[in-house]
Amino acid sequence: MSIKTKVFAVALTALTLTGSVVATTSQAQAKPLGWGVGVGLGIATAAVVGSAIAASNDPYYNGYHRCGWAAQYNAFGQYVGRVRTCF
């Protein structure tokens, strides 16, 4: 297990324990949900839809890749070679 995974696991455990303590020690009050829930659900939905759109970047154009060779130059403007580019 990597260090990043261990740190994440410890942080998640601490957050869970803190949340459970706060949830059990506070008094329950009946309130209307208000705007907060709607805004939160809207942001969550936008994140899911945005991720789905970003993950489906389709490099095909009518079923084919649009690839070709492009000249490559160095910082001084000298021709270095060709590189294959797809768009």
N, C-alpha and C. Protein backbone atom coordinates (compact mmCIF):
# COMPACT_ATOMS: atom_id res chain seq x y z
N MET A 1 0.85 -1.17 0.00
CA MET A 1 0.00 0.00 0.00
C MET A 1 0.90 1.23 0.00
N SER A 2 0.61 2.19 -0.88
CA SER A 2 1.44 3.39 -0.98
C SER A 2 1.14 4.35 0.17
N ILE A 3 2.02 5.32 0.33
CA ILE A 3 1.87 6.30 1.41
C ILE A 3 0.61 7.13 1.18
N LYS A 4 0.36 7.48 -0.08
CA LYS A 4 -0.82 8.28 -0.40
C LYS A 4 -2.10 7.53 -0.01
N THR A 5 -2.14 6.23 -0.25
CA THR A 5 -3.31 5.43 0.10
C THR A 5 -3.47 5.33 1.61
N LYS A 6 -2.36 5.19 2.33
CA LYS A 6 -2.41 5.12 3.79
C LYS A 6 -2.91 6.43 4.39
N VAL A 7 -2.41 7.54 3.87
CA VAL A 7 -2.85 8.85 4.37
C VAL A 7 -4.34 9.04 4.09
N PHE A 8 -4.77 8.65 2.91
CA PHE A 8 -6.19 8.77 2.59
C PHE A 8 -7.04 7.90 3.50
N ALA A 9 -6.59 6.69 3.79
CA ALA A 9 -7.35 5.80 4.67
C ALA A 9 -7.44 6.36 6.08
N VAL A 10 -6.36 6.93 6.60
CA VAL A 10 -6.38 7.53 7.93
C VAL A 10 -7.29 8.75 7.96
N ALA A 11 -7.22 9.58 6.93
CA ALA A 11 -8.08 10.77 6.87
C ALA A 11 -9.54 10.38 6.77
N LEU A 12 -9.85 9.37 5.99
CA LEU A 12 -11.23 8.92 5.86
C LEU A 12 -11.75 8.35 7.18
N THR A 13 -10.91 7.61 7.89
CA THR A 13 -11.29 7.07 9.19
C THR A 13 -11.55 8.19 10.18
N ALA A 14 -10.68 9.19 10.21
CA ALA A 14 -10.86 10.31 11.13
C ALA A 14 -12.13 11.09 10.80
N LEU A 15 -12.40 11.28 9.52
CA LEU A 15 -13.60 11.99 9.11
C LEU A 15 -14.85 11.21 9.50
N THR A 16 -14.82 9.90 9.34
CA THR A 16 -15.96 9.06 9.70
C THR A 16 -16.21 9.10 11.20
N LEU A 17 -15.16 8.99 11.99
CA LEU A 17 -15.33 9.03 13.45
C LEU A 17 -15.83 10.40 13.90
N THR A 18 -15.30 11.46 13.33
CA THR A 18 -15.76 12.81 13.69
C THR A 18 -17.22 13.00 13.31
N GLY A 19 -17.59 12.54 12.16
CA GLY A 19 -18.98 12.66 11.72
C GLY A 19 -19.93 11.88 12.60
N SER A 20 -19.50 10.70 13.04
CA SER A 20 -20.39 9.90 13.89
C SER A 20 -20.54 10.53 15.27
N VAL A 21 -19.48 11.13 15.79
CA VAL A 21 -19.57 11.80 17.09
C VAL A 21 -20.47 13.02 17.00
N VAL A 22 -20.31 13.81 15.95
CA VAL A 22 -21.14 15.00 15.78
C VAL A 22 -22.60 14.62 15.58
N ALA A 23 -22.84 13.55 14.83
CA ALA A 23 -24.21 13.14 14.55
C ALA A 23 -24.92 12.62 15.80
N THR A 24 -24.20 12.01 16.71
CA THR A 24 -24.85 11.45 17.90
C THR A 24 -24.97 12.44 19.03
N THR A 25 -24.18 13.52 19.04
CA THR A 25 -24.23 14.46 20.16
C THR A 25 -25.09 15.69 19.88
N SER A 26 -25.50 15.91 18.66
CA SER A 26 -26.31 17.09 18.38
C SER A 26 -27.79 16.75 18.47
N GLN A 27 -28.60 17.77 18.75
CA GLN A 27 -30.03 17.55 18.86
C GLN A 27 -30.66 17.55 17.48
N ALA A 28 -31.70 16.76 17.34
CA ALA A 28 -32.43 16.69 16.08
C ALA A 28 -33.45 17.82 16.03
N GLN A 29 -33.46 18.54 14.92
CA GLN A 29 -34.41 19.63 14.73
C GLN A 29 -35.06 19.45 13.36
N ALA A 30 -36.38 19.56 13.34
CA ALA A 30 -37.10 19.43 12.07
C ALA A 30 -37.09 20.78 11.37
N LYS A 31 -36.46 20.85 10.21
CA LYS A 31 -36.38 22.07 9.42
C LYS A 31 -36.67 21.72 7.97
N PRO A 32 -37.17 22.66 7.20
CA PRO A 32 -37.31 22.40 5.76
C PRO A 32 -35.92 22.32 5.12
N LEU A 33 -35.83 21.60 4.01
CA LEU A 33 -34.53 21.38 3.39
C LEU A 33 -33.94 22.65 2.80
N GLY A 34 -34.74 23.50 2.19
CA GLY A 34 -34.26 24.78 1.68
C GLY A 34 -33.45 24.64 0.41
N TRP A 35 -32.66 25.68 0.12
CA TRP A 35 -31.90 25.77 -1.11
C TRP A 35 -30.63 24.93 -1.09
N GLY A 36 -30.11 24.66 0.08
CA GLY A 36 -28.83 23.96 0.18
C GLY A 36 -28.82 22.60 -0.49
N VAL A 37 -29.87 21.83 -0.28
CA VAL A 37 -29.93 20.50 -0.87
C VAL A 37 -30.02 20.60 -2.39
N GLY A 38 -30.82 21.51 -2.89
CA GLY A 38 -30.96 21.66 -4.34
C GLY A 38 -29.66 22.08 -5.00
N VAL A 39 -28.96 23.01 -4.38
CA VAL A 39 -27.68 23.47 -4.93
C VAL A 39 -26.66 22.33 -4.87
N GLY A 40 -26.63 21.61 -3.77
CA GLY A 40 -25.69 20.50 -3.64
C GLY A 40 -25.94 19.41 -4.66
N LEU A 41 -27.21 19.04 -4.84
CA LEU A 41 -27.54 18.02 -5.84
C LEU A 41 -27.25 18.51 -7.25
N GLY A 42 -27.47 19.79 -7.50
CA GLY A 42 -27.16 20.35 -8.83
C GLY A 42 -25.67 20.30 -9.13
N ILE A 43 -24.84 20.63 -8.14
CA ILE A 43 -23.40 20.58 -8.33
C ILE A 43 -22.93 19.14 -8.53
N ALA A 44 -23.48 18.22 -7.73
CA ALA A 44 -23.10 16.81 -7.86
C ALA A 44 -23.50 16.27 -9.24
N THR A 45 -24.69 16.62 -9.69
CA THR A 45 -25.14 16.17 -11.01
C THR A 45 -24.27 16.75 -12.11
N ALA A 46 -23.92 18.03 -11.99
CA ALA A 46 -23.05 18.67 -12.99
C ALA A 46 -21.68 18.00 -13.02
N ALA A 47 -21.16 17.61 -11.86
CA ALA A 47 -19.86 16.94 -11.82
C ALA A 47 -19.92 15.58 -12.51
N VAL A 48 -21.00 14.83 -12.27
CA VAL A 48 -21.14 13.51 -12.89
C VAL A 48 -21.30 13.64 -14.40
N VAL A 49 -22.15 14.55 -14.84
CA VAL A 49 -22.36 14.73 -16.28
C VAL A 49 -21.10 15.27 -16.95
N GLY A 50 -20.44 16.21 -16.32
CA GLY A 50 -19.20 16.76 -16.87
C GLY A 50 -18.11 15.71 -17.00
N SER A 51 -18.01 14.83 -16.00
CA SER A 51 -17.03 13.75 -16.07
C SER A 51 -17.35 12.78 -17.20
N ALA A 52 -18.63 12.50 -17.37
CA ALA A 52 -19.02 11.58 -18.45
C ALA A 52 -18.72 12.18 -19.82
N ILE A 53 -18.95 13.47 -19.97
CA ILE A 53 -18.66 14.13 -21.25
C ILE A 53 -17.15 14.17 -21.50
N ALA A 54 -16.38 14.48 -20.46
CA ALA A 54 -14.93 14.56 -20.62
C ALA A 54 -14.32 13.20 -20.92
N ALA A 55 -14.91 12.14 -20.39
CA ALA A 55 -14.36 10.80 -20.61
C ALA A 55 -14.66 10.27 -22.00
N SER A 56 -15.60 10.89 -22.69
CA SER A 56 -15.99 10.38 -24.00
C SER A 56 -15.44 11.24 -25.13
N ASN A 57 -14.20 11.68 -25.01
CA ASN A 57 -13.61 12.47 -26.09
C ASN A 57 -13.28 11.54 -27.24
N ASP A 58 -14.11 11.54 -28.22
CA ASP A 58 -14.03 10.60 -29.33
C ASP A 58 -13.13 11.18 -30.42
N PRO A 59 -11.97 10.54 -30.68
CA PRO A 59 -11.05 11.09 -31.68
C PRO A 59 -11.43 10.74 -33.11
N TYR A 60 -12.58 10.13 -33.35
CA TYR A 60 -12.95 9.69 -34.69
C TYR A 60 -13.75 10.77 -35.41
N TYR A 61 -13.58 10.84 -36.69
CA TYR A 61 -14.34 11.74 -37.54
C TYR A 61 -14.98 10.90 -38.62
N ASN A 62 -16.27 10.70 -38.53
CA ASN A 62 -17.00 9.82 -39.44
C ASN A 62 -16.43 8.40 -39.46
N GLY A 63 -16.01 7.93 -38.31
CA GLY A 63 -15.50 6.58 -38.19
C GLY A 63 -14.02 6.42 -38.44
N TYR A 64 -13.30 7.48 -38.81
CA TYR A 64 -11.88 7.39 -39.10
C TYR A 64 -11.12 8.42 -38.29
N HIS A 65 -9.86 8.10 -37.96
CA HIS A 65 -8.99 9.08 -37.34
C HIS A 65 -8.58 10.11 -38.39
N ARG A 66 -8.45 11.34 -37.97
CA ARG A 66 -7.91 12.37 -38.85
C ARG A 66 -6.46 12.58 -38.45
N CYS A 67 -5.57 11.82 -39.05
CA CYS A 67 -4.16 11.87 -38.70
C CYS A 67 -3.35 12.34 -39.89
N GLY A 68 -2.21 12.90 -39.60
CA GLY A 68 -1.31 13.34 -40.65
C GLY A 68 0.07 13.62 -40.07
N TRP A 69 0.98 13.99 -40.96
CA TRP A 69 2.34 14.30 -40.53
C TRP A 69 2.52 15.81 -40.50
N ALA A 70 3.13 16.30 -39.44
CA ALA A 70 3.38 17.73 -39.29
C ALA A 70 4.87 17.95 -39.07
N ALA A 71 5.37 19.02 -39.64
CA ALA A 71 6.79 19.35 -39.47
C ALA A 71 7.03 19.81 -38.04
N GLN A 72 8.20 19.45 -37.52
CA GLN A 72 8.56 19.84 -36.16
C GLN A 72 9.84 20.67 -36.22
N TYR A 73 9.82 21.82 -35.52
CA TYR A 73 10.96 22.74 -35.54
C TYR A 73 11.44 22.96 -34.11
N ASN A 74 12.73 23.26 -33.95
CA ASN A 74 13.25 23.54 -32.62
C ASN A 74 13.07 25.03 -32.31
N ALA A 75 13.61 25.46 -31.19
CA ALA A 75 13.43 26.84 -30.74
C ALA A 75 14.07 27.87 -31.68
N PHE A 76 15.02 27.43 -32.51
CA PHE A 76 15.70 28.34 -33.42
C PHE A 76 15.09 28.35 -34.81
N GLY A 77 13.99 27.61 -35.00
CA GLY A 77 13.32 27.58 -36.28
C GLY A 77 13.91 26.60 -37.27
N GLN A 78 14.79 25.73 -36.81
CA GLN A 78 15.41 24.75 -37.68
C GLN A 78 14.53 23.49 -37.73
N TYR A 79 14.42 22.92 -38.93
CA TYR A 79 13.62 21.72 -39.12
C TYR A 79 14.27 20.55 -38.39
N VAL A 80 13.49 19.87 -37.55
CA VAL A 80 14.00 18.75 -36.78
C VAL A 80 13.53 17.42 -37.36
N GLY A 81 12.29 17.38 -37.81
CA GLY A 81 11.76 16.15 -38.36
C GLY A 81 10.25 16.24 -38.45
N ARG A 82 9.62 15.07 -38.63
CA ARG A 82 8.17 15.03 -38.71
C ARG A 82 7.62 14.31 -37.49
N VAL A 83 6.41 14.65 -37.14
CA VAL A 83 5.73 13.98 -36.05
C VAL A 83 4.29 13.71 -36.51
N ARG A 84 3.77 12.55 -36.13
CA ARG A 84 2.41 12.18 -36.52
C ARG A 84 1.43 12.82 -35.54
N THR A 85 0.46 13.52 -36.06
CA THR A 85 -0.55 14.15 -35.22
C THR A 85 -1.93 13.66 -35.63
N CYS A 86 -2.78 13.44 -34.66
CA CYS A 86 -4.16 13.04 -34.91
C CYS A 86 -5.09 14.06 -34.28
N PHE A 87 -6.09 14.45 -35.00
CA PHE A 87 -7.07 15.40 -34.49
C PHE A 87 -8.43 15.05 -34.97
